[in-house]
């Protein structure tokens, strides 16, 4: 839907308020984490959340299209809406209008959202990640892409944008480690087939909730990779406002605690029990904007 005389662009204050209300309604914990950010950057975070939430509703929302192909078509349309808004400099859709305005104010690299949407298309049906390289591409496209945009929102030095990407993927990989059982119930396995084959981990064992010796060894490898990503993301906190830096340290500590608890239970994340950690770790979402259900 392009901006025309009949469908004028939604004014920025209304657009940002729409996104702010979306955030408060759907993710109150995240909302209050964002409120800790400097006032001048909050609207851009609201706008970015609005777009990501829109994609999430298409993929996993209660009113999502019924078939994977239809969900992919809806994602294509959502991405086209953004492209038209960027070209026109505005949009009648409040979320797109807010994001286009935020991009102009903060020089946001919205081209990153193209690879983000590619990763969301993968989640439209059952997910079987074949190789480690494929998993890395998926995470780069989802959490990594949004991490790079957040680096611009927070006015981080360009030299540290890659660290934001690594930190975002560290959060997401930790979610994948923690949520193997829950993801399987949604038809998704983010442990790569090549790694599962190398450790002799059959899909049927995951279905039974059986943490075999091979499964535990594979999870130990994944925990090690996640810790490496967190270490690579450490420079992300340099050059941002002190309040943001404190939130990043808190987020990192919360998620490293998740990895500690995975180790403490012998890497058996398949047994039914209370969650290892809150679904959203407030300040962590400020960096990674993880999709609901991820």
C-alpha atoms as a PDB file:
ATOM      1  CA  UNK A   1       0.000   0.000   0.000  1.00  0.00           C
ATOM      2  CA  UNK A   2       1.795   3.116  -1.173  1.00  0.00           C
ATOM      3  CA  UNK A   3       1.233   6.615   0.146  1.00  0.00           C
ATOM      4  CA  UNK A   4      -1.129   8.633  -2.059  1.00  0.00           C
ATOM      5  CA  UNK A   5      -3.327  11.704  -1.806  1.00  0.00           C
ATOM      6  CA  UNK A   6      -6.249   9.395  -0.938  1.00  0.00           C
ATOM      7  CA  UNK A   7      -4.241   7.553   1.722  1.00  0.00           C
ATOM      8  CA  UNK A   8      -2.002  10.145   3.388  1.00  0.00           C
ATOM      9  CA  UNK A   9       0.960   9.161   5.477  1.00  0.00           C
ATOM     10  CA  UNK A  10       0.200   8.561   9.130  1.00  0.00           C
ATOM     11  CA  UNK A  11       1.686  11.407  11.223  1.00  0.00           C
ATOM     12  CA  UNK A  12       4.739  10.467  13.272  1.00  0.00           C
ATOM     13  CA  UNK A  13       3.300  11.119  16.780  1.00  0.00           C
ATOM     14  CA  UNK A  14       0.294   8.906  16.076  1.00  0.00           C
ATOM     15  CA  UNK A  15       2.510   6.241  14.499  1.00  0.00           C
ATOM     16  CA  UNK A  16       4.906   6.050  17.424  1.00  0.00           C
ATOM     17  CA  UNK A  17       2.044   5.984  19.905  1.00  0.00           C
ATOM     18  CA  UNK A  18       0.497   3.045  18.042  1.00  0.00           C
ATOM     19  CA  UNK A  19       3.777   1.120  18.329  1.00  0.00           C
ATOM     20  CA  UNK A  20       4.206   2.079  21.972  1.00  0.00           C
ATOM     21  CA  UNK A  21       0.741   0.734  22.780  1.00  0.00           C
ATOM     22  CA  UNK A  22       1.480  -2.479  20.887  1.00  0.00           C
ATOM     23  CA  UNK A  23       4.569  -2.995  23.000  1.00  0.00           C
ATOM     24  CA  UNK A  24       2.826  -2.276  26.284  1.00  0.00           C
ATOM     25  CA  UNK A  25      -0.086  -4.584  25.416  1.00  0.00           C
ATOM     26  CA  UNK A  26       1.905  -7.543  24.109  1.00  0.00           C
ATOM     27  CA  UNK A  27       5.175  -7.344  26.094  1.00  0.00           C
ATOM     28  CA  UNK A  28       4.801  -5.377  29.330  1.00  0.00           C
ATOM     29  CA  UNK A  29       8.142  -6.619  30.732  1.00  0.00           C
ATOM     30  CA  UNK A  30       9.936  -5.484  27.604  1.00  0.00           C
ATOM     31  CA  UNK A  31       7.967  -2.223  27.675  1.00  0.00           C
ATOM     32  CA  UNK A  32       9.320  -1.314  31.096  1.00  0.00           C
ATOM     33  CA  UNK A  33      12.831  -2.321  30.038  1.00  0.00           C
ATOM     34  CA  UNK A  34      12.579   0.058  27.076  1.00  0.00           C
ATOM     35  CA  UNK A  35      11.379   2.808  29.429  1.00  0.00           C
ATOM     36  CA  UNK A  36      14.847   2.668  31.000  1.00  0.00           C
ATOM     37  CA  UNK A  37      16.420   3.782  27.726  1.00  0.00           C
ATOM     38  CA  UNK A  38      17.097   7.462  27.012  1.00  0.00           C
ATOM     39  CA  UNK A  39      13.869   9.225  25.989  1.00  0.00           C
ATOM     40  CA  UNK A  40      15.246  10.262  22.610  1.00  0.00           C
ATOM     41  CA  UNK A  41      15.711   6.660  21.430  1.00  0.00           C
ATOM     42  CA  UNK A  42      12.545   5.045  22.796  1.00  0.00           C
ATOM     43  CA  UNK A  43      10.320   5.918  19.802  1.00  0.00           C
ATOM     44  CA  UNK A  44      12.713   4.191  17.419  1.00  0.00           C
ATOM     45  CA  UNK A  45      12.667   1.055  19.584  1.00  0.00           C
ATOM     46  CA  UNK A  46       8.860   1.150  19.632  1.00  0.00           C
ATOM     47  CA  UNK A  47       8.841   1.388  15.836  1.00  0.00           C
ATOM     48  CA  UNK A  48      11.304  -1.466  15.357  1.00  0.00           C
ATOM     49  CA  UNK A  49       9.314  -3.590  17.784  1.00  0.00           C
ATOM     50  CA  UNK A  50       6.136  -2.825  15.853  1.00  0.00           C
ATOM     51  CA  UNK A  51       7.588  -4.143  12.609  1.00  0.00           C
ATOM     52  CA  UNK A  52       9.097  -7.245  14.227  1.00  0.00           C
ATOM     53  CA  UNK A  53       5.854  -7.923  16.081  1.00  0.00           C
ATOM     54  CA  UNK A  54       3.944  -7.636  12.826  1.00  0.00           C
ATOM     55  CA  UNK A  55       6.125 -10.343  11.283  1.00  0.00           C
ATOM     56  CA  UNK A  56       5.769 -12.494  14.378  1.00  0.00           C
ATOM     57  CA  UNK A  57       1.978 -12.304  14.271  1.00  0.00           C
ATOM     58  CA  UNK A  58       2.092 -13.569  10.679  1.00  0.00           C
ATOM     59  CA  UNK A  59       4.318 -16.513  11.596  1.00  0.00           C
ATOM     60  CA  UNK A  60       3.077 -17.492  15.066  1.00  0.00           C
ATOM     61  CA  UNK A  61       0.130 -15.288  15.980  1.00  0.00           C
ATOM     62  CA  UNK A  62      -3.324 -16.653  16.842  1.00  0.00           C
ATOM     63  CA  UNK A  63      -4.765 -15.301  13.592  1.00  0.00           C
ATOM     64  CA  UNK A  64      -1.890 -16.311  11.336  1.00  0.00           C
ATOM     65  CA  UNK A  65      -2.678 -17.581   7.821  1.00  0.00           C
ATOM     66  CA  UNK A  66      -3.462 -21.314   7.984  1.00  0.00           C
ATOM     67  CA  UNK A  67      -0.838 -22.607   5.537  1.00  0.00           C
ATOM     68  CA  UNK A  68       2.945 -22.058   5.365  1.00  0.00           C
ATOM     69  CA  UNK A  69       2.724 -20.743   1.793  1.00  0.00           C
ATOM     70  CA  UNK A  70       0.095 -18.209   2.828  1.00  0.00           C
ATOM     71  CA  UNK A  71       2.219 -17.105   5.768  1.00  0.00           C
ATOM     72  CA  UNK A  72       5.165 -16.546   3.431  1.00  0.00           C
ATOM     73  CA  UNK A  73       2.949 -14.527   1.094  1.00  0.00           C
ATOM     74  CA  UNK A  74       1.844 -12.393   4.041  1.00  0.00           C
ATOM     75  CA  UNK A  75       5.485 -11.817   5.024  1.00  0.00           C
ATOM     76  CA  UNK A  76       6.222 -10.790   1.438  1.00  0.00           C
ATOM     77  CA  UNK A  77       3.401  -8.256   1.614  1.00  0.00           C
ATOM     78  CA  UNK A  78       4.608  -6.906   4.970  1.00  0.00           C
ATOM     79  CA  UNK A  79       8.126  -6.474   3.618  1.00  0.00           C
ATOM     80  CA  UNK A  80       6.767  -4.809   0.456  1.00  0.00           C
ATOM     81  CA  UNK A  81       4.822  -2.386   2.674  1.00  0.00           C
ATOM     82  CA  UNK A  82       8.073  -1.312   4.277  1.00  0.00           C
ATOM     83  CA  UNK A  83       9.862  -0.985   0.940  1.00  0.00           C
ATOM     84  CA  UNK A  84       7.054   1.214  -0.416  1.00  0.00           C
ATOM     85  CA  UNK A  85       7.112   3.326   2.734  1.00  0.00           C
ATOM     86  CA  UNK A  86      10.854   3.836   2.481  1.00  0.00           C
ATOM     87  CA  UNK A  87      10.541   4.839  -1.156  1.00  0.00           C
ATOM     88  CA  UNK A  88       7.668   7.234  -0.478  1.00  0.00           C
ATOM     89  CA  UNK A  89       9.108   8.643   2.752  1.00  0.00           C
ATOM     90  CA  UNK A  90       5.977   7.733   4.686  1.00  0.00           C
ATOM     91  CA  UNK A  91       3.065   5.331   4.861  1.00  0.00           C
ATOM     92  CA  UNK A  92      -0.624   5.216   5.800  1.00  0.00           C
ATOM     93  CA  UNK A  93       0.230   2.196   7.969  1.00  0.00           C
ATOM     94  CA  UNK A  94       1.219   3.542  11.408  1.00  0.00           C
ATOM     95  CA  UNK A  95       3.923   0.938  12.100  1.00  0.00           C
ATOM     96  CA  UNK A  96       5.595   1.451   8.730  1.00  0.00           C
ATOM     97  CA  UNK A  97       5.282   5.241   9.063  1.00  0.00           C
ATOM     98  CA  UNK A  98       6.965   5.125  12.483  1.00  0.00           C
ATOM     99  CA  UNK A  99       9.821   2.933  11.261  1.00  0.00           C
ATOM    100  CA  UNK A 100      10.452   5.054   8.163  1.00  0.00           C
ATOM    101  CA  UNK A 101      10.544   8.176  10.329  1.00  0.00           C
ATOM    102  CA  UNK A 102      12.864   6.502  12.857  1.00  0.00           C
ATOM    103  CA  UNK A 103      15.178   5.421  10.041  1.00  0.00           C
ATOM    104  CA  UNK A 104      15.528   9.004   8.844  1.00  0.00           C
ATOM    105  CA  UNK A 105      16.191  10.314  12.356  1.00  0.00           C
ATOM    106  CA  UNK A 106      18.714   7.651  13.407  1.00  0.00           C
ATOM    107  CA  UNK A 107      20.185   6.505  10.067  1.00  0.00           C
ATOM    108  CA  UNK A 108      18.938   2.993  10.691  1.00  0.00           C
ATOM    109  CA  UNK A 109      20.224   0.252   8.361  1.00  0.00           C
ATOM    110  CA  UNK A 110      16.763  -1.040   7.482  1.00  0.00           C
ATOM    111  CA  UNK A 111      18.257  -3.153   4.701  1.00  0.00           C
ATOM    112  CA  UNK A 112      19.048  -5.560   7.537  1.00  0.00           C
ATOM    113  CA  UNK A 113      15.334  -6.336   7.704  1.00  0.00           C
ATOM    114  CA  UNK A 114      15.541  -8.099   4.355  1.00  0.00           C
ATOM    115  CA  UNK A 115      17.646 -10.927   5.809  1.00  0.00           C
ATOM    116  CA  UNK A 116      15.532 -10.792   8.969  1.00  0.00           C
ATOM    117  CA  UNK A 117      12.459 -11.587   6.891  1.00  0.00           C
ATOM    118  CA  UNK A 118      14.314 -14.429   5.169  1.00  0.00           C
ATOM    119  CA  UNK A 119      14.772 -16.081   8.563  1.00  0.00           C
ATOM    120  CA  UNK A 120      11.110 -15.531   9.422  1.00  0.00           C
ATOM    121  CA  UNK A 121      10.109 -17.311   6.220  1.00  0.00           C
ATOM    122  CA  UNK A 122      11.980 -20.385   7.429  1.00  0.00           C
ATOM    123  CA  UNK A 123       9.760 -20.468  10.526  1.00  0.00           C
ATOM    124  CA  UNK A 124       6.554 -20.491   8.468  1.00  0.00           C
ATOM    125  CA  UNK A 125       6.590 -24.299   8.362  1.00  0.00           C
ATOM    126  CA  UNK A 126       8.331 -27.142  10.160  1.00  0.00           C
ATOM    127  CA  UNK A 127      12.003 -26.304  10.749  1.00  0.00           C
ATOM    128  CA  UNK A 128      14.895 -28.697  10.298  1.00  0.00           C
ATOM    129  CA  UNK A 129      18.259 -26.934  10.215  1.00  0.00           C
ATOM    130  CA  UNK A 130      20.639 -29.065   8.179  1.00  0.00           C
ATOM    131  CA  UNK A 131      24.064 -27.598   8.954  1.00  0.00           C
ATOM    132  CA  UNK A 132      25.846 -25.388  11.462  1.00  0.00           C
ATOM    133  CA  UNK A 133      26.418 -22.837   8.687  1.00  0.00           C
ATOM    134  CA  UNK A 134      22.665 -22.777   8.006  1.00  0.00           C
ATOM    135  CA  UNK A 135      21.951 -22.150  11.682  1.00  0.00           C
ATOM    136  CA  UNK A 136      24.486 -19.317  11.731  1.00  0.00           C
ATOM    137  CA  UNK A 137      22.783 -17.749   8.687  1.00  0.00           C
ATOM    138  CA  UNK A 138      19.393 -18.058  10.373  1.00  0.00           C
ATOM    139  CA  UNK A 139      20.604 -16.346  13.544  1.00  0.00           C
ATOM    140  CA  UNK A 140      22.481 -13.669  11.593  1.00  0.00           C
ATOM    141  CA  UNK A 141      19.250 -12.924   9.757  1.00  0.00           C
ATOM    142  CA  UNK A 142      17.042 -12.774  12.824  1.00  0.00           C
ATOM    143  CA  UNK A 143      18.682 -11.727  16.095  1.00  0.00           C
ATOM    144  CA  UNK A 144      21.901 -10.537  14.436  1.00  0.00           C
ATOM    145  CA  UNK A 145      20.123  -8.228  11.990  1.00  0.00           C
ATOM    146  CA  UNK A 146      18.003  -6.638  14.688  1.00  0.00           C
ATOM    147  CA  UNK A 147      21.071  -6.304  16.913  1.00  0.00           C
ATOM    148  CA  UNK A 148      22.790  -4.258  14.208  1.00  0.00           C
ATOM    149  CA  UNK A 149      19.759  -1.982  13.869  1.00  0.00           C
ATOM    150  CA  UNK A 150      19.658  -1.529  17.646  1.00  0.00           C
ATOM    151  CA  UNK A 151      23.334  -0.547  17.560  1.00  0.00           C
ATOM    152  CA  UNK A 152      22.361   2.380  15.321  1.00  0.00           C
ATOM    153  CA  UNK A 153      19.377   3.271  17.509  1.00  0.00           C
ATOM    154  CA  UNK A 154      21.697   3.437  20.523  1.00  0.00           C
ATOM    155  CA  UNK A 155      24.293   5.418  18.550  1.00  0.00           C
ATOM    156  CA  UNK A 156      27.001   2.830  19.196  1.00  0.00           C
ATOM    157  CA  UNK A 157      30.322   3.358  17.357  1.00  0.00           C
ATOM    158  CA  UNK A 158      30.337   1.652  13.955  1.00  0.00           C
ATOM    159  CA  UNK A 159      33.293  -0.471  15.006  1.00  0.00           C
ATOM    160  CA  UNK A 160      31.087  -2.143  17.636  1.00  0.00           C
ATOM    161  CA  UNK A 161      28.070  -2.970  15.449  1.00  0.00           C
ATOM    162  CA  UNK A 162      29.341  -6.493  14.812  1.00  0.00           C
ATOM    163  CA  UNK A 163      29.545  -7.015  18.568  1.00  0.00           C
ATOM    164  CA  UNK A 164      25.836  -6.154  18.812  1.00  0.00           C
ATOM    165  CA  UNK A 165      25.186  -8.792  16.160  1.00  0.00           C
ATOM    166  CA  UNK A 166      27.177 -11.385  18.117  1.00  0.00           C
ATOM    167  CA  UNK A 167      25.409 -10.493  21.334  1.00  0.00           C
ATOM    168  CA  UNK A 168      22.008 -10.803  19.683  1.00  0.00           C
ATOM    169  CA  UNK A 169      22.852 -14.245  18.334  1.00  0.00           C
ATOM    170  CA  UNK A 170      24.182 -15.270  21.757  1.00  0.00           C
ATOM    171  CA  UNK A 171      20.776 -14.483  23.269  1.00  0.00           C
ATOM    172  CA  UNK A 172      19.014 -16.415  20.524  1.00  0.00           C
ATOM    173  CA  UNK A 173      21.291 -19.433  20.722  1.00  0.00           C
ATOM    174  CA  UNK A 174      20.683 -19.526  24.471  1.00  0.00           C
ATOM    175  CA  UNK A 175      16.940 -19.548  23.804  1.00  0.00           C
ATOM    176  CA  UNK A 176      17.375 -22.444  21.372  1.00  0.00           C
ATOM    177  CA  UNK A 177      19.381 -24.402  23.950  1.00  0.00           C
ATOM    178  CA  UNK A 178      16.851 -23.791  26.685  1.00  0.00           C
ATOM    179  CA  UNK A 179      13.771 -24.423  24.569  1.00  0.00           C
ATOM    180  CA  UNK A 180      14.569 -27.597  22.604  1.00  0.00           C
ATOM    181  CA  UNK A 181      11.498 -29.336  23.999  1.00  0.00           C
ATOM    182  CA  UNK A 182       9.150 -26.399  23.429  1.00  0.00           C
ATOM    183  CA  UNK A 183      10.481 -25.761  19.929  1.00  0.00           C
ATOM    184  CA  UNK A 184       9.987 -29.425  19.011  1.00  0.00           C
ATOM    185  CA  UNK A 185       6.340 -29.171  20.045  1.00  0.00           C
ATOM    186  CA  UNK A 186       6.036 -26.399  17.423  1.00  0.00           C
ATOM    187  CA  UNK A 187       7.640 -28.558  14.739  1.00  0.00           C
ATOM    188  CA  UNK A 188      11.040 -26.879  14.989  1.00  0.00           C
ATOM    189  CA  UNK A 189      14.502 -28.306  15.642  1.00  0.00           C
ATOM    190  CA  UNK A 190      17.278 -25.726  15.702  1.00  0.00           C
ATOM    191  CA  UNK A 191      19.977 -28.271  16.551  1.00  0.00           C
ATOM    192  CA  UNK A 192      21.522 -28.906  13.144  1.00  0.00           C
ATOM    193  CA  UNK A 193      21.058 -32.286  11.488  1.00  0.00           C
ATOM    194  CA  UNK A 194      24.786 -32.643  10.873  1.00  0.00           C
ATOM    195  CA  UNK A 195      25.550 -32.064  14.558  1.00  0.00           C
ATOM    196  CA  UNK A 196      22.782 -34.419  15.667  1.00  0.00           C
ATOM    197  CA  UNK A 197      24.061 -37.093  13.284  1.00  0.00           C
ATOM    198  CA  UNK A 198      27.622 -36.648  14.532  1.00  0.00           C
ATOM    199  CA  UNK A 199      26.450 -37.255  18.110  1.00  0.00           C
ATOM    200  CA  UNK A 200      23.960 -39.984  17.216  1.00  0.00           C
ATOM    201  CA  UNK A 201      20.944 -37.938  18.334  1.00  0.00           C
ATOM    202  CA  UNK A 202      17.763 -39.301  16.745  1.00  0.00           C
ATOM    203  CA  UNK A 203      14.743 -37.060  16.352  1.00  0.00           C
ATOM    204  CA  UNK A 204      12.685 -39.797  17.996  1.00  0.00           C
ATOM    205  CA  UNK A 205      14.713 -39.370  21.202  1.00  0.00           C
ATOM    206  CA  UNK A 206      13.822 -35.682  21.313  1.00  0.00           C
ATOM    207  CA  UNK A 207      10.184 -36.615  20.727  1.00  0.00           C
ATOM    208  CA  UNK A 208      10.347 -39.029  23.688  1.00  0.00           C
ATOM    209  CA  UNK A 209      12.062 -36.450  25.875  1.00  0.00           C
ATOM    210  CA  UNK A 210      15.094 -38.712  26.272  1.00  0.00           C
ATOM    211  CA  UNK A 211      18.339 -36.856  26.939  1.00  0.00           C
ATOM    212  CA  UNK A 212      20.807 -39.444  25.651  1.00  0.00           C
ATOM    213  CA  UNK A 213      24.537 -39.220  26.202  1.00  0.00           C
ATOM    214  CA  UNK A 214      24.870 -37.900  22.646  1.00  0.00           C
ATOM    215  CA  UNK A 215      22.194 -35.281  23.221  1.00  0.00           C
ATOM    216  CA  UNK A 216      23.943 -34.060  26.362  1.00  0.00           C
ATOM    217  CA  UNK A 217      27.273 -33.891  24.539  1.00  0.00           C
ATOM    218  CA  UNK A 218      25.677 -31.878  21.735  1.00  0.00           C
ATOM    219  CA  UNK A 219      24.062 -29.465  24.189  1.00  0.00           C
ATOM    220  CA  UNK A 220      27.418 -29.040  25.929  1.00  0.00           C
ATOM    221  CA  UNK A 221      28.904 -27.991  22.583  1.00  0.00           C
ATOM    222  CA  UNK A 222      26.070 -25.536  22.012  1.00  0.00           C
ATOM    223  CA  UNK A 223      26.515 -24.016  25.472  1.00  0.00           C
ATOM    224  CA  UNK A 224      30.197 -23.540  24.682  1.00  0.00           C
ATOM    225  CA  UNK A 225      29.338 -21.804  21.408  1.00  0.00           C
ATOM    226  CA  UNK A 226      26.864 -19.528  23.174  1.00  0.00           C
ATOM    227  CA  UNK A 227      29.479 -18.539  25.740  1.00  0.00           C
ATOM    228  CA  UNK A 228      31.880 -17.720  22.900  1.00  0.00           C
ATOM    229  CA  UNK A 229      29.234 -15.496  21.316  1.00  0.00           C
ATOM    230  CA  UNK A 230      28.702 -13.654  24.588  1.00  0.00           C
ATOM    231  CA  UNK A 231      32.428 -13.039  24.852  1.00  0.00           C
ATOM    232  CA  UNK A 232      32.563 -11.788  21.259  1.00  0.00           C
ATOM    233  CA  UNK A 233      29.660  -9.464  22.052  1.00  0.00           C
ATOM    234  CA  UNK A 234      31.326  -7.919  25.089  1.00  0.00           C
ATOM    235  CA  UNK A 235      32.555  -4.791  23.201  1.00  0.00           C
ATOM    236  CA  UNK A 236      28.932  -3.890  22.374  1.00  0.00           C
ATOM    237  CA  UNK A 237      28.651  -2.084  25.699  1.00  0.00           C
ATOM    238  CA  UNK A 238      31.459   0.308  24.894  1.00  0.00           C
ATOM    239  CA  UNK A 239      30.457   3.715  23.630  1.00  0.00           C
ATOM    240  CA  UNK A 240      26.777   3.585  24.649  1.00  0.00           C
ATOM    241  CA  UNK A 241      25.070   5.561  27.408  1.00  0.00           C
ATOM    242  CA  UNK A 242      25.817   4.341  30.956  1.00  0.00           C
ATOM    243  CA  UNK A 243      22.174   3.372  31.583  1.00  0.00           C
ATOM    244  CA  UNK A 244      22.174   1.277  28.424  1.00  0.00           C
ATOM    245  CA  UNK A 245      25.484  -0.306  29.374  1.00  0.00           C
ATOM    246  CA  UNK A 246      24.078  -1.352  32.754  1.00  0.00           C
ATOM    247  CA  UNK A 247      21.077  -2.940  31.081  1.00  0.00           C
ATOM    248  CA  UNK A 248      23.320  -4.826  28.682  1.00  0.00           C
ATOM    249  CA  UNK A 249      25.401  -6.174  31.549  1.00  0.00           C
ATOM    250  CA  UNK A 250      22.240  -7.274  33.341  1.00  0.00           C
ATOM    251  CA  UNK A 251      20.934  -9.004  30.214  1.00  0.00           C
ATOM    252  CA  UNK A 252      24.234 -10.770  29.650  1.00  0.00           C
ATOM    253  CA  UNK A 253      24.299 -11.936  33.262  1.00  0.00           C
ATOM    254  CA  UNK A 254      20.731 -13.246  33.115  1.00  0.00           C
ATOM    255  CA  UNK A 255      21.371 -15.280  29.979  1.00  0.00           C
ATOM    256  CA  UNK A 256      24.728 -16.589  31.168  1.00  0.00           C
ATOM    257  CA  UNK A 257      22.791 -17.736  34.237  1.00  0.00           C
ATOM    258  CA  UNK A 258      20.499 -19.716  31.947  1.00  0.00           C
ATOM    259  CA  UNK A 259      23.545 -21.483  30.502  1.00  0.00           C
ATOM    260  CA  UNK A 260      24.803 -22.149  34.035  1.00  0.00           C
ATOM    261  CA  UNK A 261      21.507 -23.836  34.914  1.00  0.00           C
ATOM    262  CA  UNK A 262      21.540 -25.912  31.729  1.00  0.00           C
ATOM    263  CA  UNK A 263      24.954 -27.185  32.801  1.00  0.00           C
ATOM    264  CA  UNK A 264      23.681 -27.777  36.344  1.00  0.00           C
ATOM    265  CA  UNK A 265      20.932 -30.144  35.118  1.00  0.00           C
ATOM    266  CA  UNK A 266      23.436 -32.137  33.058  1.00  0.00           C
ATOM    267  CA  UNK A 267      22.206 -30.608  29.773  1.00  0.00           C
ATOM    268  CA  UNK A 268      18.857 -32.365  30.113  1.00  0.00           C
ATOM    269  CA  UNK A 269      16.482 -29.671  28.866  1.00  0.00           C
ATOM    270  CA  UNK A 270      13.910 -32.238  27.713  1.00  0.00           C
ATOM    271  CA  UNK A 271      12.272 -33.074  31.045  1.00  0.00           C
ATOM    272  CA  UNK A 272       9.008 -31.249  31.835  1.00  0.00           C
ATOM    273  CA  UNK A 273       9.707 -28.720  34.553  1.00  0.00           C
ATOM    274  CA  UNK A 274       9.413 -24.967  35.179  1.00  0.00           C
ATOM    275  CA  UNK A 275      11.178 -22.749  32.726  1.00  0.00           C
ATOM    276  CA  UNK A 276      14.882 -22.268  33.292  1.00  0.00           C
ATOM    277  CA  UNK A 277      14.481 -18.516  33.088  1.00  0.00           C
ATOM    278  CA  UNK A 278      11.822 -15.892  32.305  1.00  0.00           C
ATOM    279  CA  UNK A 279      10.603 -15.983  28.723  1.00  0.00           C
ATOM    280  CA  UNK A 280      11.870 -12.458  28.210  1.00  0.00           C
ATOM    281  CA  UNK A 281      14.732 -11.094  30.244  1.00  0.00           C
ATOM    282  CA  UNK A 282      13.676  -7.452  30.077  1.00  0.00           C
ATOM    283  CA  UNK A 283      16.856  -5.669  29.158  1.00  0.00           C
ATOM    284  CA  UNK A 284      18.020  -8.533  26.936  1.00  0.00           C
ATOM    285  CA  UNK A 285      15.127  -7.809  24.620  1.00  0.00           C
ATOM    286  CA  UNK A 286      16.415  -4.252  24.214  1.00  0.00           C
ATOM    287  CA  UNK A 287      19.301  -5.713  22.246  1.00  0.00           C
ATOM    288  CA  UNK A 288      17.923  -8.799  20.576  1.00  0.00           C
ATOM    289  CA  UNK A 289      14.198  -8.168  20.176  1.00  0.00           C
ATOM    290  CA  UNK A 290      13.515 -11.897  20.190  1.00  0.00           C
ATOM    291  CA  UNK A 291      10.275 -12.874  18.526  1.00  0.00           C
ATOM    292  CA  UNK A 292       7.481 -14.172  20.669  1.00  0.00           C
ATOM    293  CA  UNK A 293       7.756 -17.930  20.607  1.00  0.00           C
ATOM    294  CA  UNK A 294      11.492 -17.933  19.940  1.00  0.00           C
END
